[in-house]
Amino acid sequence: MMNAAANLAERVLGHTNTDCKTEGEVSATESMLACTWQGKSKLEMREVPRPTITDDEDAIIRTTGSTVCGSDLHLFKGDMVSMKTNDIMGHECMGIVEDIGPAVTTVKKGDRVVLAFNVACGKCEYCNKQLYTACDNTNNSRVMEKLYGHKTAGILGYSHMLAGYPGCQAEYVRALYANTNLLKVPDQMTDEQALLLADIVPTSYHAVSDTGVQEGDVVGVWGCGPIGMLVVQWLVNVFKASRVIVIDSVQDRLDLVKERFDVETINFEKTKNVVAAIQELTAKDQGERLSVASSPNAPEDIDIGKSVDIEGSKPEVEGEKEGEGEESKTGAGLKSSDSKGLRSSESKGDGKGEKKTEYINGGLDRAIDCGAFRYTKGIMHKLERALAFETDSSEVINEMIRATKKFGTIGLIADYVGYCNHLLIGGIMEKGIRMVGCGQAPIQRYWTTCIEHIMSGRFDPTVVYSHRASLEQTPLVYKLFDNKQMWKVFLETKASNPPTPGLPTLRVLSESKSAKVDATAKPSSSKSLKPSKSHGADTGDHKKNIKKAHTIGTTKKKSKSSANDGTASPATEQEPNN
């Protein structure tokens, strides 16, 4: 209903004037396979015309790798408006330059490249400030302009509120403004590393940087999908946060991030009062569990005198005596100004000057939302979203407001799209909270920095891969990803290189309710990953036995996604990542 209303509004309002031809010209004789949107929870693989050079600064890319992003699920589930039948999905890809327009100077035919998810002209006021996702010239949507007051840049394979460019879950894709939006991949970098530069590696870096994280900060991360996991890695390995607490409800994901990065975790399905858990966890001194019995404002759902069972909690420290070293006064790894949520005071009730530890609310220096607007917890928000009384839930934001210390910072890298109810706006003002809308990340400005960290071994983007699948199985990948049965998948085409040793190999996926993330998989570090010498090698014709209209709908019957479907679950189909 909302999608139809948005499309009607587009027809009534029309489009703004831009120099971009959003649809582009296509071949009259050559076709390609692409994943297309056919309605809510319904995708089809279809043969569609290949794109051709339309503008002088265009390039045509032969796709060698693409993937499904968490934000793609908003389109799949019908939560993002202004979608149209036969829209080509996908905004993350890499490939080989097949053709270029006469004005393209930064790449040449045959180059291995990554295509930015956003479309930036490279010439406007915002592009000159390296704020590429605020580009003035690549989005013609009056609907977004009316809703937000301004329109942002266009995005590949996304809603027509973001210009409706054809996406890259396809064998070929048109790259507009190639001089700005294509990155030539270093020879030493693997395809699996390079692909993630199209979005989630620089996006996760942007989330941490834009939220203002400083060395020694205590940071909470809501959401442990691929973006959340990479945010955690940036926090631990590069930005040097002293403590990271990850909040999610998928235990496999929490176990994996805890194992790999030695962080603390909270499963909000088991720990209902997340704020109380964070406050108690951050009020610990040297890892001791605190009793909240002495607090006059103890949270209601914490039993007085008992500690919260929090995933990743450190064991009690034995043999520590008060006054031994500076850290025992302030808490390990934190600045003395933080006070770790503790204070010593004299108890004069018995005249003996007995010391006790009082409970003072702990909290986070920074909080980063890596979840999404469509996830709700309480019945009230579930009902309000179902009745279209709100588009987005404020539950996670309110948790962050309560859990963040006074004059701390909240960063929103999660997608929010419209309106929410019950926002704790008083908490933002009274506590002096800095709330940062990180926006769609202007990833081109971070490419050089991210490559340096990857090639040095400080950052390994491949930790998020759980599967490798053929492009033909993209509709099934959406369903499995939405059901939390996989993390990031490398979608290969017939032009793809062989997989890098130690990373997931090609498997035929099948639908299985029992499938789950393999928490024991450990991809090799980026230092040991070596790229294949041949780019664009043909690994077999995956179109064989694949129907032109391959559909995944909302049926509960077992998927018949391909004539080659196997029976093993996605988790058991992959090879170990070590």
Protein backbone atom coordinates (compact mmCIF):
# COMPACT_ATOMS: atom_id res chain seq x y z
CA MET A 1 0.00 0.00 0.00
CA MET A 2 2.73 2.45 0.96
CA ASN A 3 4.77 1.47 -2.08
CA ALA A 4 1.81 2.13 -4.37
CA ALA A 5 1.19 5.49 -2.65
CA ALA A 6 4.84 6.49 -3.13
CA ASN A 7 4.73 5.56 -6.82
CA LEU A 8 1.52 7.57 -7.21
CA ALA A 9 3.21 10.54 -5.53
CA GLU A 10 6.09 10.22 -7.96
CA ARG A 11 3.73 10.33 -10.93
CA VAL A 12 1.96 13.40 -9.51
CA LEU A 13 5.10 15.30 -8.48
CA GLY A 14 7.24 14.31 -11.44
CA HIS A 15 11.04 14.40 -11.37
CA THR A 16 13.64 17.07 -10.74
CA ASN A 17 16.02 18.01 -13.51
CA THR A 18 19.36 16.20 -13.50
CA ASP A 19 21.92 15.52 -16.20
CA CYS A 20 21.87 11.78 -15.39
CA LYS A 21 20.02 9.32 -17.57
CA THR A 22 18.90 6.96 -14.81
CA GLU A 23 17.77 4.07 -17.00
CA GLY A 24 20.41 4.28 -19.71
CA GLU A 25 20.54 2.70 -23.14
CA VAL A 26 20.52 -1.06 -23.64
CA SER A 27 21.55 -3.48 -26.35
CA ALA A 28 18.97 -4.56 -28.92
CA THR A 29 20.68 -7.92 -29.47
CA GLU A 30 22.55 -8.99 -26.32
CA SER A 31 21.01 -10.04 -23.00
CA MET A 32 22.20 -10.88 -19.50
CA LEU A 33 20.93 -12.63 -16.38
CA ALA A 34 19.77 -10.33 -13.56
CA CYS A 35 17.92 -10.54 -10.24
CA THR A 36 14.69 -8.55 -10.57
CA TRP A 37 12.09 -7.29 -8.08
CA GLN A 38 8.58 -8.59 -8.78
CA GLY A 39 6.82 -7.54 -5.59
CA LYS A 40 7.08 -7.93 -1.84
CA SER A 41 9.19 -11.00 -0.95
CA LYS A 42 9.27 -12.01 -4.60
CA LEU A 43 12.41 -11.93 -6.75
CA GLU A 44 13.05 -13.51 -10.13
CA MET A 45 16.14 -14.22 -12.20
CA ARG A 46 15.38 -12.96 -15.70
CA GLU A 47 17.09 -12.43 -19.01
CA VAL A 48 17.15 -8.67 -19.66
CA PRO A 49 18.95 -6.47 -22.22
CA ARG A 50 22.58 -5.61 -21.51
CA PRO A 51 23.43 -1.99 -20.70
CA THR A 52 25.49 0.01 -23.19
CA ILE A 53 27.43 3.29 -23.07
CA THR A 54 24.90 6.10 -22.65
CA ASP A 55 26.97 9.09 -21.50
CA ASP A 56 30.56 10.01 -22.29
CA GLU A 57 31.71 9.22 -18.74
CA ASP A 58 30.03 5.81 -18.58
CA ALA A 59 31.76 2.46 -18.27
CA ILE A 60 30.27 -1.01 -18.72
CA ILE A 61 31.44 -3.56 -16.15
CA ARG A 62 31.36 -7.32 -16.62
CA THR A 63 30.50 -8.50 -13.11
CA THR A 64 32.89 -10.95 -11.44
CA GLY A 65 31.45 -10.69 -7.94
CA SER A 66 28.43 -9.21 -6.20
CA THR A 67 26.64 -9.76 -2.90
CA VAL A 68 23.47 -9.10 -0.92
CA CYS A 69 23.45 -6.27 1.63
CA GLY A 70 21.31 -5.95 4.72
CA SER A 71 19.74 -2.85 3.20
CA ASP A 72 18.66 -4.94 0.18
CA LEU A 73 16.39 -6.83 2.57
CA HIS A 74 14.33 -3.66 3.07
CA LEU A 75 13.43 -3.83 -0.63
CA PHE A 76 12.84 -7.58 -0.49
CA LYS A 77 10.49 -7.29 2.49
CA GLY A 78 8.59 -4.32 1.07
CA ASP A 79 9.72 -1.90 3.77
CA MET A 80 11.32 0.58 1.36
CA VAL A 81 8.87 2.42 -0.88
CA SER A 82 9.06 3.44 -4.55
CA MET A 83 9.98 0.04 -6.00
CA LYS A 84 8.74 -0.97 -9.45
CA THR A 85 8.27 -4.31 -11.16
CA ASN A 86 11.39 -5.55 -12.98
CA ASP A 87 13.79 -3.26 -11.08
CA ILE A 88 17.26 -4.86 -11.10
CA MET A 89 18.54 -5.42 -7.57
CA GLY A 90 21.95 -4.99 -5.97
CA HIS A 91 24.43 -2.21 -5.19
CA GLU A 92 27.70 -4.00 -4.31
CA CYS A 93 29.87 -5.40 -7.08
CA MET A 94 33.25 -5.65 -8.72
CA GLY A 95 34.25 -6.70 -12.19
CA ILE A 96 36.26 -6.12 -15.35
CA VAL A 97 35.92 -2.98 -17.47
CA GLU A 98 34.26 -4.10 -20.68
CA ASP A 99 33.81 -0.73 -22.40
CA ILE A 100 34.32 2.97 -21.63
CA GLY A 101 32.99 6.28 -22.89
CA PRO A 102 35.30 8.87 -24.47
CA ALA A 103 35.51 11.00 -21.29
CA VAL A 104 36.71 8.16 -19.00
CA THR A 105 40.35 8.68 -18.01
CA THR A 106 40.90 6.82 -14.72
CA VAL A 107 40.38 3.24 -15.93
CA LYS A 108 40.76 1.33 -19.18
CA LYS A 109 39.31 -1.79 -20.74
CA GLY A 110 40.39 -4.93 -18.93
CA ASP A 111 41.00 -3.23 -15.55
CA ARG A 112 39.75 -5.00 -12.43
CA VAL A 113 37.55 -2.50 -10.59
CA VAL A 114 35.14 -1.99 -7.71
CA LEU A 115 32.00 0.05 -8.35
CA ALA A 116 30.79 2.40 -5.60
CA PHE A 117 27.24 1.70 -4.43
CA ASN A 118 26.42 5.40 -4.66
CA VAL A 119 26.31 7.47 -7.83
CA ALA A 120 28.26 10.73 -7.56
CA CYS A 121 28.91 13.26 -10.32
CA GLY A 122 32.32 14.32 -8.95
CA LYS A 123 31.72 17.97 -9.82
CA CYS A 124 29.06 19.52 -7.56
CA GLU A 125 29.56 21.36 -4.27
CA TYR A 126 29.15 18.21 -2.17
CA CYS A 127 31.37 16.02 -4.33
CA ASN A 128 34.09 18.68 -4.12
CA LYS A 129 33.84 18.33 -0.33
CA GLN A 130 34.12 14.52 -0.71
CA LEU A 131 30.54 14.16 0.55
CA TYR A 132 29.71 11.97 -2.43
CA THR A 133 26.44 10.55 -1.11
CA ALA A 134 25.05 14.09 -0.90
CA CYS A 135 25.65 14.67 -4.63
CA ASP A 136 23.23 17.22 -6.09
CA ASN A 137 23.13 15.83 -9.59
CA THR A 138 22.35 12.09 -9.49
CA ASN A 139 18.89 11.79 -7.94
CA ASN A 140 15.74 13.01 -9.69
CA SER A 141 13.26 12.09 -6.93
CA ARG A 142 10.85 14.83 -5.90
CA VAL A 143 9.34 12.40 -3.38
CA MET A 144 12.57 12.37 -1.36
CA GLU A 145 12.90 16.13 -1.75
CA LYS A 146 9.41 16.69 -0.34
CA LEU A 147 9.88 14.17 2.49
CA TYR A 148 13.34 15.22 3.70
CA GLY A 149 13.62 18.78 2.42
CA HIS A 150 16.57 17.80 0.21
CA LYS A 151 17.44 14.81 -1.94
CA THR A 152 20.62 12.80 -1.53
CA ALA A 153 22.67 11.04 -4.22
CA GLY A 154 21.32 8.17 -6.26
CA ILE A 155 22.13 4.56 -5.37
CA LEU A 156 22.51 1.56 -7.66
CA GLY A 157 19.77 -1.06 -7.57
CA TYR A 158 17.65 0.69 -5.00
CA SER A 159 14.36 2.51 -4.56
CA HIS A 160 13.21 5.14 -7.06
CA MET A 161 13.40 7.56 -4.13
CA LEU A 162 17.12 7.16 -4.85
CA ALA A 163 16.71 7.49 -8.63
CA GLY A 164 16.01 3.83 -9.45
CA TYR A 165 19.27 3.00 -11.23
CA PRO A 166 19.53 -0.60 -12.47
CA GLY A 167 21.53 -2.65 -9.96
CA CYS A 168 24.48 -4.99 -10.15
CA GLN A 169 23.14 -8.39 -9.13
CA ALA A 170 23.52 -9.02 -12.82
CA GLU A 171 26.14 -10.14 -15.33
CA TYR A 172 26.78 -6.57 -16.51
CA VAL A 173 26.26 -3.15 -15.00
CA ARG A 174 26.55 0.43 -16.18
CA ALA A 175 28.89 2.61 -14.11
CA LEU A 176 27.95 6.28 -14.34
CA TYR A 177 30.61 8.96 -13.82
CA ALA A 178 33.26 6.27 -13.96
CA ASN A 179 36.07 8.71 -13.12
CA THR A 180 34.52 9.21 -9.68
CA ASN A 181 32.75 5.93 -8.95
CA LEU A 182 35.23 3.25 -10.07
CA LEU A 183 38.20 2.08 -8.02
CA LYS A 184 41.01 0.22 -9.76
CA VAL A 185 41.81 -2.75 -7.52
CA PRO A 186 45.44 -3.24 -6.42
CA ASP A 187 47.01 -6.37 -7.92
CA GLN A 188 47.82 -7.75 -4.45
CA MET A 189 44.20 -7.63 -3.31
CA THR A 190 41.89 -10.65 -3.62
CA ASP A 191 38.45 -10.43 -5.17
CA GLU A 192 36.83 -11.28 -1.84
CA GLN A 193 38.61 -8.37 -0.17
CA ALA A 194 37.96 -5.96 -3.03
CA LEU A 195 34.24 -6.64 -3.38
CA LEU A 196 33.51 -5.34 0.11
CA LEU A 197 35.06 -1.96 -0.75
CA ALA A 198 31.89 -1.35 -2.77
CA ASP A 199 30.02 -0.62 0.46
CA ILE A 200 30.39 -2.27 3.83
CA VAL A 201 34.13 -1.84 4.53
CA PRO A 202 34.18 1.95 4.04
CA THR A 203 30.65 2.25 5.41
CA SER A 204 31.65 0.58 8.68
CA TYR A 205 34.78 2.76 8.87
CA HIS A 206 32.63 5.84 8.32
CA ALA A 207 30.27 4.77 11.11
CA VAL A 208 33.08 4.62 13.66
CA SER A 209 34.82 7.77 12.44
CA ASP A 210 31.66 9.87 12.12
CA THR A 211 30.51 8.86 15.61
CA GLY A 212 33.75 10.36 16.92
CA VAL A 213 35.22 7.28 18.58
CA GLN A 214 38.51 8.00 20.37
CA GLU A 215 41.16 5.65 21.67
CA GLY A 216 40.13 4.28 25.06
CA ASP A 217 36.39 4.80 24.54
CA VAL A 218 33.80 2.31 25.76
CA VAL A 219 31.51 1.62 22.79
CA GLY A 220 28.22 -0.22 22.38
CA VAL A 221 27.30 -1.71 19.01
CA TRP A 222 23.66 -2.59 18.31
CA GLY A 223 23.36 -5.19 15.55
CA CYS A 224 25.85 -7.94 14.69
CA GLY A 225 25.29 -8.45 10.99
CA PRO A 226 28.11 -7.88 8.48
CA ILE A 227 28.21 -4.10 9.10
CA GLY A 228 28.15 -4.58 12.87
CA MET A 229 30.92 -7.14 12.77
CA LEU A 230 33.15 -4.89 10.67
CA VAL A 231 32.40 -1.94 12.97
CA VAL A 232 33.61 -4.11 15.87
CA GLN A 233 36.81 -4.96 13.99
CA TRP A 234 37.54 -1.28 13.27
CA LEU A 235 36.89 -0.44 16.94
CA VAL A 236 39.19 -3.17 18.26
CA ASN A 237 42.00 -3.25 15.71
CA VAL A 238 42.26 0.32 14.43
CA PHE A 239 40.46 2.84 16.66
CA LYS A 240 41.60 1.06 19.84
CA ALA A 241 38.41 1.25 21.89
CA SER A 242 39.11 0.01 25.40
CA ARG A 243 35.90 -1.95 25.56
CA VAL A 244 33.26 -3.03 23.04
CA ILE A 245 29.82 -4.40 23.96
CA VAL A 246 27.75 -5.96 21.16
CA ILE A 247 23.96 -6.29 21.38
CA ASP A 248 21.99 -8.71 19.18
CA SER A 249 19.54 -11.62 19.46
CA VAL A 250 21.29 -14.16 17.19
CA GLN A 251 23.48 -16.20 19.51
CA ASP A 252 25.61 -17.67 16.71
CA ARG A 253 26.60 -14.19 15.63
CA LEU A 254 27.35 -13.09 19.16
CA ASP A 255 29.48 -16.18 19.75
CA LEU A 256 31.43 -15.56 16.57
CA VAL A 257 32.19 -11.90 17.23
CA LYS A 258 33.10 -12.70 20.83
CA GLU A 259 35.49 -15.46 19.73
CA ARG A 260 37.20 -13.43 17.03
CA PHE A 261 37.52 -10.05 18.69
CA ASP A 262 37.34 -10.76 22.44
CA VAL A 263 34.40 -8.42 23.02
CA GLU A 264 31.51 -8.61 25.44
CA THR A 265 28.04 -9.48 24.21
CA ILE A 266 24.42 -9.14 25.31
CA ASN A 267 21.64 -11.26 23.84
CA PHE A 268 18.53 -9.12 24.21
CA GLU A 269 16.28 -12.18 23.96
CA LYS A 270 17.84 -13.45 27.19
CA THR A 271 18.61 -10.12 28.86
CA LYS A 272 15.44 -8.09 28.55
CA ASN A 273 16.73 -4.88 30.16
CA VAL A 274 19.67 -4.09 27.91
CA VAL A 275 20.27 -0.68 29.47
CA ALA A 276 20.52 -2.12 32.99
CA ALA A 277 22.89 -4.79 31.73
CA ILE A 278 25.16 -2.24 30.08
CA GLN A 279 25.14 -0.01 33.14
CA GLU A 280 26.09 -2.86 35.42
CA LEU A 281 28.69 -4.22 33.01
CA THR A 282 30.37 -0.84 32.65
CA ALA A 283 30.21 -0.21 36.39
CA LYS A 284 32.61 -3.06 37.10
CA ASP A 285 36.01 -2.51 38.65
CA GLN A 286 38.73 -4.92 37.47
CA GLY A 287 36.09 -7.33 36.16
CA GLU A 288 34.28 -7.79 39.51
CA ARG A 289 30.54 -8.25 39.34
CA LEU A 290 28.79 -5.55 41.34
CA SER A 291 25.78 -5.89 43.50
CA VAL A 292 23.22 -3.18 42.89
CA ALA A 293 21.79 -3.52 46.40
CA SER A 294 23.23 -0.19 47.52
CA SER A 295 21.68 1.72 44.64
CA PRO A 296 18.48 3.61 45.45
CA ASN A 297 17.60 3.45 41.73
CA ALA A 298 18.29 -0.20 40.98
CA PRO A 299 16.69 -1.30 37.66
CA GLU A 300 13.42 -3.11 38.21
CA ASP A 301 14.29 -6.31 36.36
CA ILE A 302 17.60 -6.91 38.17
CA ASP A 303 17.27 -8.90 41.37
CA ILE A 304 18.73 -6.93 44.25
CA GLY A 305 22.03 -8.42 45.30
CA LYS A 306 22.49 -10.41 42.07
CA SER A 307 24.53 -9.64 39.00
CA VAL A 308 23.24 -9.70 35.43
CA ASP A 309 24.29 -12.71 33.39
CA ILE A 310 25.98 -10.97 30.49
CA GLU A 311 27.67 -12.75 27.61
CA GLY A 312 31.41 -12.24 27.68
CA SER A 313 31.61 -11.07 31.29
CA LYS A 314 35.06 -11.30 32.79
CA PRO A 315 35.62 -13.62 35.74
CA GLU A 316 36.04 -12.23 39.20
CA VAL A 317 39.56 -11.11 39.93
CA GLU A 318 41.07 -12.70 42.98
CA GLY A 319 43.80 -11.20 45.10
CA GLU A 320 43.21 -7.58 44.08
CA LYS A 321 43.38 -5.22 46.99
CA GLU A 322 42.09 -1.69 47.15
CA GLY A 323 44.78 0.83 46.39
CA GLU A 324 47.06 -1.49 44.34
CA GLY A 325 48.03 0.67 41.35
CA GLU A 326 46.21 3.42 39.53
CA GLU A 327 44.06 1.01 37.55
CA SER A 328 42.45 -0.35 40.68
CA LYS A 329 41.12 3.14 41.40
CA THR A 330 39.58 3.88 38.01
CA GLY A 331 39.06 0.60 36.20
CA ALA A 332 41.39 -1.11 33.74
CA GLY A 333 42.02 0.72 30.51
CA LEU A 334 39.81 3.75 31.24
CA LYS A 335 40.61 7.37 31.88
CA SER A 336 40.36 8.45 35.50
CA SER A 337 37.68 10.95 34.54
CA ASP A 338 35.39 8.04 33.61
CA SER A 339 35.47 6.65 37.19
CA LYS A 340 34.16 3.34 35.81
CA GLY A 341 30.84 3.92 37.53
CA LEU A 342 32.28 3.33 41.01
CA ARG A 343 33.07 5.36 44.09
CA SER A 344 34.25 4.55 47.59
CA SER A 345 32.48 6.14 50.51
CA GLU A 346 32.69 5.95 54.31
CA SER A 347 29.92 4.16 56.08
CA LYS A 348 29.58 5.65 59.59
CA GLY A 349 26.60 3.66 60.72
CA ASP A 350 28.64 1.42 62.99
CA GLY A 351 31.29 4.00 63.88
CA LYS A 352 34.08 1.91 62.39
CA GLY A 353 34.52 3.86 59.15
CA GLU A 354 33.80 0.74 57.09
CA LYS A 355 34.26 1.28 53.35
CA LYS A 356 31.76 0.07 50.82
CA THR A 357 31.31 0.29 47.05
CA GLU A 358 28.24 2.15 45.87
CA TYR A 359 26.53 1.49 42.54
CA ILE A 360 26.63 4.47 40.18
CA ASN A 361 25.25 4.14 36.69
CA GLY A 362 27.89 3.12 34.20
CA GLY A 363 27.44 3.81 30.53
CA LEU A 364 28.93 4.12 27.09
CA ASP A 365 31.08 6.85 25.62
CA ARG A 366 29.71 6.08 22.16
CA ALA A 367 26.85 3.97 20.82
CA ILE A 368 26.52 2.86 17.20
CA ASP A 369 23.30 1.55 15.67
CA CYS A 370 24.06 -1.07 12.99
CA GLY A 371 20.60 -2.64 12.97
CA ALA A 372 17.65 -1.44 10.94
CA PHE A 373 14.42 0.50 11.27
CA ARG A 374 12.18 -2.51 10.59
CA TYR A 375 13.19 -4.59 13.62
CA THR A 376 10.87 -4.20 16.59
CA LYS A 377 10.83 -5.73 20.07
CA GLY A 378 7.72 -4.64 21.96
CA ILE A 379 4.13 -5.32 21.01
CA MET A 380 3.32 -1.61 20.83
CA HIS A 381 5.83 -0.90 18.05
CA LYS A 382 4.96 -4.12 16.24
CA LEU A 383 1.33 -3.02 16.20
CA GLU A 384 2.07 0.55 15.19
CA ARG A 385 4.24 -0.59 12.28
CA ALA A 386 1.64 -3.12 11.19
CA LEU A 387 -1.02 -0.38 11.16
CA ALA A 388 1.35 2.08 9.42
CA PHE A 389 1.22 4.46 12.39
CA GLU A 390 5.02 4.58 12.15
CA THR A 391 7.55 3.40 9.59
CA ASP A 392 10.52 3.09 11.96
CA SER A 393 10.89 1.90 15.53
CA SER A 394 12.52 4.10 18.18
CA GLU A 395 13.25 1.20 20.55
CA VAL A 396 16.96 0.80 19.80
CA ILE A 397 17.54 4.56 19.74
CA ASN A 398 15.88 4.91 23.15
CA GLU A 399 18.08 2.13 24.53
CA MET A 400 21.15 3.94 23.25
CA ILE A 401 20.00 7.25 24.76
CA ARG A 402 19.61 5.62 28.17
CA ALA A 403 22.84 3.62 27.94
CA THR A 404 25.07 6.46 26.70
CA LYS A 405 26.80 8.66 29.25
CA LYS A 406 26.13 12.35 29.56
CA PHE A 407 27.51 14.28 26.59
CA GLY A 408 28.29 11.00 24.86
CA THR A 409 27.64 10.34 21.17
CA ILE A 410 25.19 8.13 19.28
CA GLY A 411 25.84 7.27 15.64
CA LEU A 412 23.15 5.92 13.30
CA ILE A 413 24.54 3.94 10.38
CA ALA A 414 21.47 1.69 10.35
CA ASP A 415 18.90 2.54 7.70
CA TYR A 416 16.03 4.69 8.92
CA VAL A 417 13.49 5.82 6.36
CA GLY A 418 10.55 7.76 7.76
CA TYR A 419 8.79 8.46 11.06
CA CYS A 420 8.97 6.86 14.51
CA ASN A 421 6.88 7.24 17.66
CA HIS A 422 7.86 7.51 21.32
CA LEU A 423 11.37 8.90 20.75
CA LEU A 424 12.99 9.86 24.06
CA ILE A 425 13.87 13.33 22.83
CA GLY A 426 14.08 14.68 26.38
CA GLY A 427 16.92 12.29 27.09
CA ILE A 428 18.85 13.64 24.12
CA MET A 429 18.53 17.23 25.29
CA GLU A 430 18.87 16.81 29.05
CA LYS A 431 21.86 14.46 28.87
CA GLY A 432 23.53 16.50 26.15
CA ILE A 433 23.64 13.49 23.83
CA ARG A 434 25.19 14.11 20.42
CA MET A 435 23.12 12.11 17.94
CA VAL A 436 24.81 11.76 14.56
CA GLY A 437 22.98 10.64 11.47
CA CYS A 438 25.95 9.11 9.67
CA GLY A 439 24.02 9.09 6.41
CA GLN A 440 24.82 6.92 3.43
CA ALA A 441 28.60 6.69 3.65
CA PRO A 442 30.58 8.74 1.09
CA ILE A 443 32.76 5.70 0.53
CA GLN A 444 35.06 7.10 -2.16
CA ARG A 445 36.74 9.35 0.41
CA TYR A 446 37.74 6.31 2.51
CA TRP A 447 38.99 3.96 -0.21
CA THR A 448 42.67 4.78 0.19
CA THR A 449 42.57 4.50 3.99
CA CYS A 450 40.67 1.22 3.93
CA ILE A 451 43.04 -0.32 1.38
CA GLU A 452 46.03 0.64 3.54
CA HIS A 453 44.54 -1.07 6.59
CA ILE A 454 43.60 -4.19 4.60
CA MET A 455 46.97 -4.58 2.92
CA SER A 456 48.82 -4.01 6.22
CA GLY A 457 46.87 -6.85 7.85
CA ARG A 458 45.28 -4.62 10.50
CA PHE A 459 41.83 -5.19 9.02
CA ASP A 460 40.45 -8.34 7.40
CA PRO A 461 37.10 -7.78 5.64
CA THR A 462 36.74 -11.43 4.69
CA VAL A 463 35.71 -12.42 8.24
CA VAL A 464 32.09 -11.73 7.25
CA TYR A 465 31.92 -14.33 4.47
CA SER A 466 30.01 -17.50 5.25
CA HIS A 467 29.04 -18.69 1.76
CA ARG A 468 29.79 -18.55 -1.94
CA ALA A 469 26.94 -19.09 -4.39
CA SER A 470 26.16 -18.62 -8.06
CA LEU A 471 24.34 -15.53 -9.29
CA GLU A 472 21.43 -17.77 -10.30
CA GLN A 473 20.69 -18.48 -6.64
CA THR A 474 20.41 -14.83 -5.62
CA PRO A 475 16.67 -15.00 -4.75
CA LEU A 476 17.33 -17.89 -2.36
CA VAL A 477 20.27 -16.02 -0.86
CA TYR A 478 17.90 -13.18 0.06
CA LYS A 479 15.63 -15.58 1.88
CA LEU A 480 18.43 -17.31 3.79
CA PHE A 481 20.07 -14.00 4.66
CA ASP A 482 16.78 -12.59 5.91
CA ASN A 483 16.32 -15.71 8.08
CA LYS A 484 19.80 -15.17 9.61
CA GLN A 485 21.03 -18.42 8.05
CA MET A 486 24.07 -16.81 6.47
CA TRP A 487 26.28 -13.76 6.77
CA LYS A 488 27.89 -12.30 3.69
CA VAL A 489 27.85 -14.30 0.48
CA PHE A 490 30.11 -13.94 -2.57
CA LEU A 491 27.86 -14.23 -5.63
CA GLU A 492 29.92 -15.44 -8.56
CA THR A 493 29.22 -15.28 -12.28
CA LYS A 494 30.70 -17.24 -15.17
CA ALA A 495 33.37 -14.50 -15.36
CA SER A 496 34.50 -14.92 -11.73
CA ASN A 497 37.95 -15.99 -10.60
CA PRO A 498 38.28 -19.15 -8.49
CA PRO A 499 37.77 -18.56 -4.77
CA THR A 500 40.76 -17.58 -2.65
CA PRO A 501 42.13 -20.54 -0.67
CA GLY A 502 40.75 -20.60 2.85
CA LEU A 503 37.50 -18.82 1.97
CA PRO A 504 34.10 -20.37 1.14
CA THR A 505 33.94 -22.33 -2.12
CA LEU A 506 31.00 -22.56 -4.49
CA ARG A 507 28.12 -24.65 -3.20
CA VAL A 508 24.54 -25.17 -4.30
CA LEU A 509 22.33 -23.74 -1.56
CA SER A 510 19.08 -25.23 -0.37
CA GLU A 511 16.44 -24.02 2.01
CA SER A 512 16.74 -25.47 5.52
CA LYS A 513 15.16 -24.29 8.73
CA SER A 514 17.96 -25.84 10.75
CA ALA A 515 20.76 -23.99 8.95
CA LYS A 516 22.75 -21.52 11.00
CA VAL A 517 25.96 -19.53 10.91
CA ASP A 518 29.06 -21.64 11.41
CA ALA A 519 30.56 -20.05 14.51
CA THR A 520 33.73 -22.13 14.19
CA ALA A 521 34.74 -20.82 10.76
CA LYS A 522 37.91 -18.76 10.80
CA PRO A 523 38.92 -17.15 7.50
CA SER A 524 42.60 -16.65 6.87
CA SER A 525 44.08 -13.24 7.71
CA SER A 526 44.42 -10.77 4.86
CA LYS A 527 48.21 -11.11 5.00
CA SER A 528 48.03 -14.69 3.80
CA LEU A 529 45.43 -14.18 1.08
CA LYS A 530 46.88 -14.12 -2.40
CA PRO A 531 44.88 -13.12 -5.49
CA SER A 532 44.44 -15.34 -8.48
CA LYS A 533 46.70 -14.38 -11.37
CA SER A 534 43.94 -14.67 -13.96
CA HIS A 535 41.08 -12.20 -13.83
CA GLY A 536 37.83 -13.08 -15.48
CA ALA A 537 38.47 -16.82 -15.79
CA ASP A 538 35.44 -18.83 -16.88
CA THR A 539 34.57 -21.29 -14.11
CA GLY A 540 31.69 -22.89 -15.97
CA ASP A 541 28.39 -21.91 -17.49
CA HIS A 542 26.09 -21.52 -14.49
CA LYS A 543 23.13 -20.87 -16.74
CA LYS A 544 22.94 -24.56 -17.54
CA ASN A 545 19.67 -26.08 -16.31
CA ILE A 546 18.63 -22.71 -14.84
CA LYS A 547 15.19 -21.45 -15.75
CA LYS A 548 14.90 -17.90 -17.07
CA ALA A 549 12.29 -17.06 -14.46
CA HIS A 550 13.70 -18.40 -11.21
CA THR A 551 11.43 -17.27 -8.39
CA ILE A 552 11.49 -17.23 -4.61
CA GLY A 553 8.15 -16.17 -3.20
CA THR A 554 6.49 -16.38 0.19
CA THR A 555 5.45 -20.01 -0.16
CA LYS A 556 6.32 -22.36 2.68
CA LYS A 557 7.09 -25.18 0.31
CA LYS A 558 10.67 -26.28 -0.22
CA SER A 559 12.43 -23.99 -2.68
CA LYS A 560 13.04 -25.24 -6.19
CA SER A 561 15.61 -22.62 -6.96
CA SER A 562 17.59 -24.62 -9.47
CA ALA A 563 17.67 -27.97 -11.17
CA ASN A 564 20.98 -28.47 -9.40
CA ASP A 565 19.73 -27.88 -5.84
CA GLY A 566 21.23 -30.12 -3.19
CA THR A 567 19.85 -31.13 0.15
CA ALA A 568 22.47 -29.99 2.63
CA SER A 569 21.92 -26.92 4.75
CA PRO A 570 23.78 -23.69 3.90
CA ALA A 571 25.98 -23.96 6.96
CA THR A 572 27.14 -27.47 6.11
CA GLU A 573 27.53 -26.79 2.41
CA GLN A 574 30.51 -24.45 2.85
CA GLU A 575 34.07 -25.60 3.41
CA PRO A 576 35.84 -24.60 6.63
CA ASN A 577 37.39 -21.15 6.44
CA ASN A 578 40.78 -22.21 7.72
